[in-house]
Amino acid sequence: MQNITIAIDGFSSTGKSTVAKQLAKHLGYIYVDSGAMYRAVTLFTMQNGWINKDQFDVVALVSNLSKVNISFTFNKDLGFAEVYLNGVNIEKEIRTLEVSSYVSKVAAIPEVRYQLVKQQQQMGKDKGVVMDGRDIGTVVFPKAALKLFMIASADKRAIRRFDELIGRGDDVKYEDVLRNVQERDYIDSHREDSPLVKAEDAIEIDNSDLTLEEQFSKVLELTQLTFKDLE
């Protein structure tokens, strides 16, 4: 059975990463969370004081992109690869609501997208990879054997994200999480460079009312059909 590239795109909090991790583990493939890479750049921007509620120093970020080194290291206890920024584990820091509130703005910068897309394409050059994000099937791997596009209602996604943050011990309000989801949807869909759109050959999956088990079963079935078609 030949290795293939699987691209999973969709809006924020649609469970892309969850199902991508499950699928990669099942297939023995490499999993790459492209969204985590943009979150890492966002954290780097925040750490240097270049972005806040009042300003965003794009010039400073772009001129310092060469100082951003993002890597993934597999944690066998957790069962997935954690994100490192310049040698420091930032897996927990990049999942906060504060980072979420800025990541779409940072991801909209063409120079940021150019640098990360190059890295993502390098990670998947040998195939055998499952990558999720916003432009994987349209920009990063336009020739991926299987493309999925995940959707769910904004309120369902906000509830999932809220429960996740509360479960981690974060002090957040549901209204703020819902607002963040809606704002990210707008920015991701309206940015000039690589906006979030469904690839023409992508299969759409609405998981608003699917359990994690049902979602994985559906994705696995589509993957097996793809392998069969390539025989």
C-alpha atoms as a PDB file:
ATOM      1  CA  MET A   1       0.000   0.000   0.000  1.00  0.00           C
ATOM      2  CA  GLN A   2       1.573   3.275  -1.125  1.00  0.00           C
ATOM      3  CA  ASN A   3       1.940   6.248   1.173  1.00  0.00           C
ATOM      4  CA  ILE A   4      -0.307   9.209   0.453  1.00  0.00           C
ATOM      5  CA  THR A   5      -0.743  12.791   1.612  1.00  0.00           C
ATOM      6  CA  ILE A   6      -3.929  13.612   3.503  1.00  0.00           C
ATOM      7  CA  ALA A   7      -4.989  17.255   3.845  1.00  0.00           C
ATOM      8  CA  ILE A   8      -7.582  18.243   6.435  1.00  0.00           C
ATOM      9  CA  ASP A   9      -8.812  21.852   6.336  1.00  0.00           C
ATOM     10  CA  GLY A  10     -11.615  23.698   8.059  1.00  0.00           C
ATOM     11  CA  PHE A  11     -12.667  26.406  10.444  1.00  0.00           C
ATOM     12  CA  SER A  12     -11.316  26.746  13.974  1.00  0.00           C
ATOM     13  CA  SER A  13     -12.411  24.193  16.581  1.00  0.00           C
ATOM     14  CA  THR A  14     -13.913  21.789  14.048  1.00  0.00           C
ATOM     15  CA  GLY A  15     -11.887  18.908  15.442  1.00  0.00           C
ATOM     16  CA  LYS A  16      -9.335  18.872  12.608  1.00  0.00           C
ATOM     17  CA  SER A  17      -6.384  18.190  14.883  1.00  0.00           C
ATOM     18  CA  THR A  18      -8.186  15.507  16.867  1.00  0.00           C
ATOM     19  CA  VAL A  19      -9.169  13.432  13.849  1.00  0.00           C
ATOM     20  CA  ALA A  20      -5.840  14.097  12.100  1.00  0.00           C
ATOM     21  CA  LYS A  21      -3.950  12.730  15.115  1.00  0.00           C
ATOM     22  CA  GLN A  22      -6.213   9.679  15.257  1.00  0.00           C
ATOM     23  CA  LEU A  23      -5.790   8.988  11.559  1.00  0.00           C
ATOM     24  CA  ALA A  24      -2.021   9.475  11.551  1.00  0.00           C
ATOM     25  CA  LYS A  25      -1.646   7.114  14.504  1.00  0.00           C
ATOM     26  CA  HIS A  26      -3.870   4.503  12.851  1.00  0.00           C
ATOM     27  CA  LEU A  27      -1.919   4.670   9.583  1.00  0.00           C
ATOM     28  CA  GLY A  28       1.512   5.065  11.153  1.00  0.00           C
ATOM     29  CA  TYR A  29       1.864   8.398   9.362  1.00  0.00           C
ATOM     30  CA  ILE A  30       3.521  11.644  10.391  1.00  0.00           C
ATOM     31  CA  TYR A  31       1.067  14.187  11.812  1.00  0.00           C
ATOM     32  CA  VAL A  32       1.692  17.906  11.345  1.00  0.00           C
ATOM     33  CA  ASP A  33      -0.450  20.529  13.058  1.00  0.00           C
ATOM     34  CA  SER A  34       0.072  23.518  10.765  1.00  0.00           C
ATOM     35  CA  GLY A  35      -2.138  25.653  12.993  1.00  0.00           C
ATOM     36  CA  ALA A  36       0.300  25.113  15.852  1.00  0.00           C
ATOM     37  CA  MET A  37       3.044  26.575  13.666  1.00  0.00           C
ATOM     38  CA  TYR A  38       1.069  29.787  13.192  1.00  0.00           C
ATOM     39  CA  ARG A  39       0.305  29.833  16.913  1.00  0.00           C
ATOM     40  CA  ALA A  40       4.040  29.511  17.603  1.00  0.00           C
ATOM     41  CA  VAL A  41       4.776  32.552  15.435  1.00  0.00           C
ATOM     42  CA  THR A  42       1.957  34.382  17.210  1.00  0.00           C
ATOM     43  CA  LEU A  43       3.432  33.560  20.619  1.00  0.00           C
ATOM     44  CA  PHE A  44       6.831  34.765  19.391  1.00  0.00           C
ATOM     45  CA  THR A  45       5.184  38.020  18.296  1.00  0.00           C
ATOM     46  CA  MET A  46       3.481  38.431  21.676  1.00  0.00           C
ATOM     47  CA  GLN A  47       6.654  37.658  23.616  1.00  0.00           C
ATOM     48  CA  ASN A  48       8.413  40.474  21.806  1.00  0.00           C
ATOM     49  CA  GLY A  49       5.594  42.955  22.406  1.00  0.00           C
ATOM     50  CA  TRP A  50       4.821  43.423  18.720  1.00  0.00           C
ATOM     51  CA  ILE A  51       1.110  42.706  19.001  1.00  0.00           C
ATOM     52  CA  ASN A  52      -1.610  43.632  21.478  1.00  0.00           C
ATOM     53  CA  LYS A  53      -5.149  44.996  21.422  1.00  0.00           C
ATOM     54  CA  ASP A  54      -3.969  48.394  20.214  1.00  0.00           C
ATOM     55  CA  GLN A  55      -1.211  47.686  17.688  1.00  0.00           C
ATOM     56  CA  PHE A  56       0.523  45.124  15.494  1.00  0.00           C
ATOM     57  CA  ASP A  57       4.090  45.849  14.396  1.00  0.00           C
ATOM     58  CA  VAL A  58       4.122  43.769  11.228  1.00  0.00           C
ATOM     59  CA  VAL A  59       7.478  45.181  10.070  1.00  0.00           C
ATOM     60  CA  ALA A  60       9.197  44.018  13.268  1.00  0.00           C
ATOM     61  CA  LEU A  61       7.731  40.530  12.955  1.00  0.00           C
ATOM     62  CA  VAL A  62       8.635  40.110   9.293  1.00  0.00           C
ATOM     63  CA  SER A  63      12.195  41.360   9.821  1.00  0.00           C
ATOM     64  CA  ASN A  64      12.697  38.826  12.618  1.00  0.00           C
ATOM     65  CA  LEU A  65      11.119  35.728  11.048  1.00  0.00           C
ATOM     66  CA  SER A  66      14.567  34.206  10.571  1.00  0.00           C
ATOM     67  CA  LYS A  67      14.799  33.958  14.363  1.00  0.00           C
ATOM     68  CA  VAL A  68      11.755  31.675  14.549  1.00  0.00           C
ATOM     69  CA  ASN A  69      12.640  27.976  14.738  1.00  0.00           C
ATOM     70  CA  ILE A  70       9.616  25.686  15.041  1.00  0.00           C
ATOM     71  CA  SER A  71       9.925  21.960  15.602  1.00  0.00           C
ATOM     72  CA  PHE A  72       7.805  19.009  16.688  1.00  0.00           C
ATOM     73  CA  THR A  73       8.958  16.382  19.191  1.00  0.00           C
ATOM     74  CA  PHE A  74       6.927  13.244  19.773  1.00  0.00           C
ATOM     75  CA  ASN A  75       5.834  12.718  23.379  1.00  0.00           C
ATOM     76  CA  LYS A  76       5.243   8.989  23.815  1.00  0.00           C
ATOM     77  CA  ASP A  77       3.338   9.539  27.081  1.00  0.00           C
ATOM     78  CA  LEU A  78       0.845  11.871  25.388  1.00  0.00           C
ATOM     79  CA  GLY A  79       0.830  10.014  22.092  1.00  0.00           C
ATOM     80  CA  PHE A  80       1.421  13.047  19.880  1.00  0.00           C
ATOM     81  CA  ALA A  81       4.130  15.520  18.914  1.00  0.00           C
ATOM     82  CA  GLU A  82       4.446  18.690  20.978  1.00  0.00           C
ATOM     83  CA  VAL A  83       5.442  22.058  19.541  1.00  0.00           C
ATOM     84  CA  TYR A  84       8.779  23.696  20.330  1.00  0.00           C
ATOM     85  CA  LEU A  85       9.733  27.315  19.656  1.00  0.00           C
ATOM     86  CA  ASN A  86      13.472  27.913  19.575  1.00  0.00           C
ATOM     87  CA  GLY A  87      14.037  24.778  21.636  1.00  0.00           C
ATOM     88  CA  VAL A  88      11.361  25.509  24.265  1.00  0.00           C
ATOM     89  CA  ASN A  89       8.195  23.425  24.662  1.00  0.00           C
ATOM     90  CA  ILE A  90       5.265  25.813  24.084  1.00  0.00           C
ATOM     91  CA  GLU A  91       2.465  23.260  23.640  1.00  0.00           C
ATOM     92  CA  LYS A  92       0.401  24.664  26.517  1.00  0.00           C
ATOM     93  CA  GLU A  93       1.173  28.359  25.930  1.00  0.00           C
ATOM     94  CA  ILE A  94      -0.058  28.365  22.330  1.00  0.00           C
ATOM     95  CA  ARG A  95      -3.472  26.919  23.227  1.00  0.00           C
ATOM     96  CA  THR A  96      -4.639  29.913  25.277  1.00  0.00           C
ATOM     97  CA  LEU A  97      -7.528  32.175  24.275  1.00  0.00           C
ATOM     98  CA  GLU A  98      -5.105  35.120  24.138  1.00  0.00           C
ATOM     99  CA  VAL A  99      -3.015  33.439  21.441  1.00  0.00           C
ATOM    100  CA  SER A 100      -6.240  32.461  19.661  1.00  0.00           C
ATOM    101  CA  SER A 101      -7.312  36.097  19.611  1.00  0.00           C
ATOM    102  CA  TYR A 102      -4.235  37.118  17.585  1.00  0.00           C
ATOM    103  CA  VAL A 103      -3.325  34.072  15.511  1.00  0.00           C
ATOM    104  CA  SER A 104      -5.567  34.846  12.536  1.00  0.00           C
ATOM    105  CA  LYS A 105      -4.036  38.323  12.228  1.00  0.00           C
ATOM    106  CA  VAL A 106      -0.512  36.904  12.283  1.00  0.00           C
ATOM    107  CA  ALA A 107      -1.445  34.120   9.859  1.00  0.00           C
ATOM    108  CA  ALA A 108      -2.764  36.700   7.392  1.00  0.00           C
ATOM    109  CA  ILE A 109       0.728  38.175   6.861  1.00  0.00           C
ATOM    110  CA  PRO A 110       1.995  36.941   3.446  1.00  0.00           C
ATOM    111  CA  GLU A 111       5.628  36.655   4.579  1.00  0.00           C
ATOM    112  CA  VAL A 112       4.601  34.470   7.533  1.00  0.00           C
ATOM    113  CA  ARG A 113       2.529  32.189   5.315  1.00  0.00           C
ATOM    114  CA  TYR A 114       5.332  31.938   2.735  1.00  0.00           C
ATOM    115  CA  GLN A 115       7.888  30.826   5.321  1.00  0.00           C
ATOM    116  CA  LEU A 116       5.614  28.284   7.004  1.00  0.00           C
ATOM    117  CA  VAL A 117       4.229  26.841   3.772  1.00  0.00           C
ATOM    118  CA  LYS A 118       7.806  26.113   2.643  1.00  0.00           C
ATOM    119  CA  GLN A 119       8.456  24.264   5.910  1.00  0.00           C
ATOM    120  CA  GLN A 120       5.172  22.355   5.670  1.00  0.00           C
ATOM    121  CA  GLN A 121       5.848  21.239   2.109  1.00  0.00           C
ATOM    122  CA  GLN A 122       9.295  20.034   3.170  1.00  0.00           C
ATOM    123  CA  MET A 123       7.734  18.016   6.011  1.00  0.00           C
ATOM    124  CA  GLY A 124       5.448  16.246   3.555  1.00  0.00           C
ATOM    125  CA  LYS A 125       7.821  15.724   0.642  1.00  0.00           C
ATOM    126  CA  ASP A 126       7.968  11.952   1.198  1.00  0.00           C
ATOM    127  CA  LYS A 127       4.189  11.630   1.692  1.00  0.00           C
ATOM    128  CA  GLY A 128       2.929   9.409   4.497  1.00  0.00           C
ATOM    129  CA  VAL A 129       1.674  12.538   6.238  1.00  0.00           C
ATOM    130  CA  VAL A 130      -1.592  13.856   7.662  1.00  0.00           C
ATOM    131  CA  MET A 131      -1.610  17.640   7.921  1.00  0.00           C
ATOM    132  CA  ASP A 132      -4.420  19.888   9.101  1.00  0.00           C
ATOM    133  CA  GLY A 133      -4.903  23.617   8.794  1.00  0.00           C
ATOM    134  CA  ARG A 134      -6.601  26.275   6.683  1.00  0.00           C
ATOM    135  CA  ASP A 135      -4.889  26.011   3.282  1.00  0.00           C
ATOM    136  CA  ILE A 136      -3.399  22.519   3.210  1.00  0.00           C
ATOM    137  CA  GLY A 137      -5.535  21.204   0.361  1.00  0.00           C
ATOM    138  CA  THR A 138      -5.484  24.460  -1.616  1.00  0.00           C
ATOM    139  CA  VAL A 139      -1.913  25.759  -1.179  1.00  0.00           C
ATOM    140  CA  VAL A 140       0.407  23.421   0.724  1.00  0.00           C
ATOM    141  CA  PHE A 141      -0.603  20.107  -0.903  1.00  0.00           C
ATOM    142  CA  PRO A 142      -2.925  20.873  -3.836  1.00  0.00           C
ATOM    143  CA  LYS A 143      -2.272  17.367  -5.195  1.00  0.00           C
ATOM    144  CA  ALA A 144      -3.036  15.524  -1.940  1.00  0.00           C
ATOM    145  CA  ALA A 145      -4.670  12.150  -2.540  1.00  0.00           C
ATOM    146  CA  LEU A 146      -7.374  12.853   0.043  1.00  0.00           C
ATOM    147  CA  LYS A 147      -8.701  16.277   1.005  1.00  0.00           C
ATOM    148  CA  LEU A 148     -11.236  16.806   3.762  1.00  0.00           C
ATOM    149  CA  PHE A 149     -12.975  20.023   4.774  1.00  0.00           C
ATOM    150  CA  MET A 150     -14.385  20.070   8.302  1.00  0.00           C
ATOM    151  CA  ILE A 151     -17.286  22.307   9.278  1.00  0.00           C
ATOM    152  CA  ALA A 152     -19.558  22.757  12.311  1.00  0.00           C
ATOM    153  CA  SER A 153     -21.845  25.487  13.601  1.00  0.00           C
ATOM    154  CA  ALA A 154     -20.157  28.384  15.420  1.00  0.00           C
ATOM    155  CA  ASP A 155     -21.980  27.717  18.679  1.00  0.00           C
ATOM    156  CA  LYS A 156     -21.068  24.019  18.692  1.00  0.00           C
ATOM    157  CA  ARG A 157     -17.428  24.904  18.050  1.00  0.00           C
ATOM    158  CA  ALA A 158     -17.446  27.557  20.771  1.00  0.00           C
ATOM    159  CA  ILE A 159     -18.854  25.070  23.283  1.00  0.00           C
ATOM    160  CA  ARG A 160     -16.114  22.568  22.432  1.00  0.00           C
ATOM    161  CA  ARG A 161     -13.401  25.188  22.742  1.00  0.00           C
ATOM    162  CA  PHE A 162     -14.879  26.547  25.983  1.00  0.00           C
ATOM    163  CA  ASP A 163     -15.032  23.069  27.550  1.00  0.00           C
ATOM    164  CA  GLU A 164     -11.435  22.421  26.479  1.00  0.00           C
ATOM    165  CA  LEU A 165     -10.164  25.647  28.033  1.00  0.00           C
ATOM    166  CA  ILE A 166     -12.143  25.177  31.250  1.00  0.00           C
ATOM    167  CA  GLY A 167     -10.885  21.613  31.471  1.00  0.00           C
ATOM    168  CA  ARG A 168      -7.337  22.947  31.359  1.00  0.00           C
ATOM    169  CA  GLY A 169      -8.083  25.331  34.190  1.00  0.00           C
ATOM    170  CA  ASP A 170      -8.252  28.538  32.117  1.00  0.00           C
ATOM    171  CA  ASP A 171     -10.502  31.347  33.361  1.00  0.00           C
ATOM    172  CA  VAL A 172     -12.650  32.152  30.316  1.00  0.00           C
ATOM    173  CA  LYS A 173     -16.232  33.120  29.488  1.00  0.00           C
ATOM    174  CA  TYR A 174     -18.297  31.347  26.853  1.00  0.00           C
ATOM    175  CA  GLU A 175     -19.267  34.657  25.235  1.00  0.00           C
ATOM    176  CA  ASP A 176     -15.593  35.531  24.733  1.00  0.00           C
ATOM    177  CA  VAL A 177     -14.867  32.144  23.202  1.00  0.00           C
ATOM    178  CA  LEU A 178     -17.828  32.423  20.808  1.00  0.00           C
ATOM    179  CA  ARG A 179     -16.746  35.924  19.780  1.00  0.00           C
ATOM    180  CA  ASN A 180     -13.218  34.651  19.141  1.00  0.00           C
ATOM    181  CA  VAL A 181     -14.520  31.803  16.963  1.00  0.00           C
ATOM    182  CA  GLN A 182     -16.638  34.198  14.908  1.00  0.00           C
ATOM    183  CA  GLU A 183     -13.840  36.740  14.513  1.00  0.00           C
ATOM    184  CA  ARG A 184     -11.358  34.074  13.423  1.00  0.00           C
ATOM    185  CA  ASP A 185     -13.863  32.725  10.900  1.00  0.00           C
ATOM    186  CA  TYR A 186     -14.165  36.161   9.315  1.00  0.00           C
ATOM    187  CA  ILE A 187     -10.431  36.915   9.228  1.00  0.00           C
ATOM    188  CA  ASP A 188      -9.499  33.445   7.948  1.00  0.00           C
ATOM    189  CA  SER A 189     -12.098  33.627   5.179  1.00  0.00           C
ATOM    190  CA  HIS A 190     -11.390  37.210   4.084  1.00  0.00           C
ATOM    191  CA  ARG A 191      -7.594  37.505   4.167  1.00  0.00           C
ATOM    192  CA  GLU A 192      -5.991  38.323   0.816  1.00  0.00           C
ATOM    193  CA  ASP A 193      -3.311  35.641   0.972  1.00  0.00           C
ATOM    194  CA  SER A 194      -4.523  32.010   0.988  1.00  0.00           C
ATOM    195  CA  PRO A 195      -8.009  32.593   2.433  1.00  0.00           C
ATOM    196  CA  LEU A 196      -9.806  29.658   3.992  1.00  0.00           C
ATOM    197  CA  VAL A 197     -11.806  28.050   1.195  1.00  0.00           C
ATOM    198  CA  LYS A 198     -12.858  24.528   0.424  1.00  0.00           C
ATOM    199  CA  ALA A 199     -10.766  22.923  -2.309  1.00  0.00           C
ATOM    200  CA  GLU A 200     -12.883  21.888  -5.292  1.00  0.00           C
ATOM    201  CA  ASP A 201     -12.011  18.231  -4.794  1.00  0.00           C
ATOM    202  CA  ALA A 202     -12.314  18.234  -0.984  1.00  0.00           C
ATOM    203  CA  ILE A 203     -14.958  16.165   0.790  1.00  0.00           C
ATOM    204  CA  GLU A 204     -16.965  18.217   3.290  1.00  0.00           C
ATOM    205  CA  ILE A 205     -17.763  16.748   6.687  1.00  0.00           C
ATOM    206  CA  ASP A 206     -20.202  18.502   9.014  1.00  0.00           C
ATOM    207  CA  ASN A 207     -19.418  17.174  12.495  1.00  0.00           C
ATOM    208  CA  SER A 208     -21.792  19.458  14.416  1.00  0.00           C
ATOM    209  CA  ASP A 209     -23.666  16.420  15.711  1.00  0.00           C
ATOM    210  CA  LEU A 210     -21.064  13.680  15.336  1.00  0.00           C
ATOM    211  CA  THR A 211     -19.279  12.009  18.222  1.00  0.00           C
ATOM    212  CA  LEU A 212     -15.499  11.650  18.030  1.00  0.00           C
ATOM    213  CA  GLU A 213     -15.961   7.963  17.272  1.00  0.00           C
ATOM    214  CA  GLU A 214     -18.450   8.649  14.476  1.00  0.00           C
ATOM    215  CA  GLN A 215     -16.197  11.316  12.997  1.00  0.00           C
ATOM    216  CA  PHE A 216     -13.134   9.068  12.976  1.00  0.00           C
ATOM    217  CA  SER A 217     -15.116   6.173  11.502  1.00  0.00           C
ATOM    218  CA  LYS A 218     -16.283   8.412   8.643  1.00  0.00           C
ATOM    219  CA  VAL A 219     -12.777   9.756   7.951  1.00  0.00           C
ATOM    220  CA  LEU A 220     -11.233   6.279   8.104  1.00  0.00           C
ATOM    221  CA  GLU A 221     -13.809   4.972   5.631  1.00  0.00           C
ATOM    222  CA  LEU A 222     -12.971   7.781   3.188  1.00  0.00           C
ATOM    223  CA  THR A 223      -9.258   7.040   3.618  1.00  0.00           C
ATOM    224  CA  GLN A 224      -9.734   3.353   2.876  1.00  0.00           C
ATOM    225  CA  LEU A 225     -11.754   4.216  -0.224  1.00  0.00           C
ATOM    226  CA  THR A 226      -8.920   6.460  -1.379  1.00  0.00           C
ATOM    227  CA  PHE A 227      -6.387   3.631  -0.993  1.00  0.00           C
ATOM    228  CA  LYS A 228      -8.722   1.327  -2.919  1.00  0.00           C
ATOM    229  CA  ASP A 229      -9.067   3.849  -5.762  1.00  0.00           C
ATOM    230  CA  LEU A 230      -5.277   4.057  -6.050  1.00  0.00           C
ATOM    231  CA  GLU A 231      -4.776   0.306  -6.358  1.00  0.00           C
END
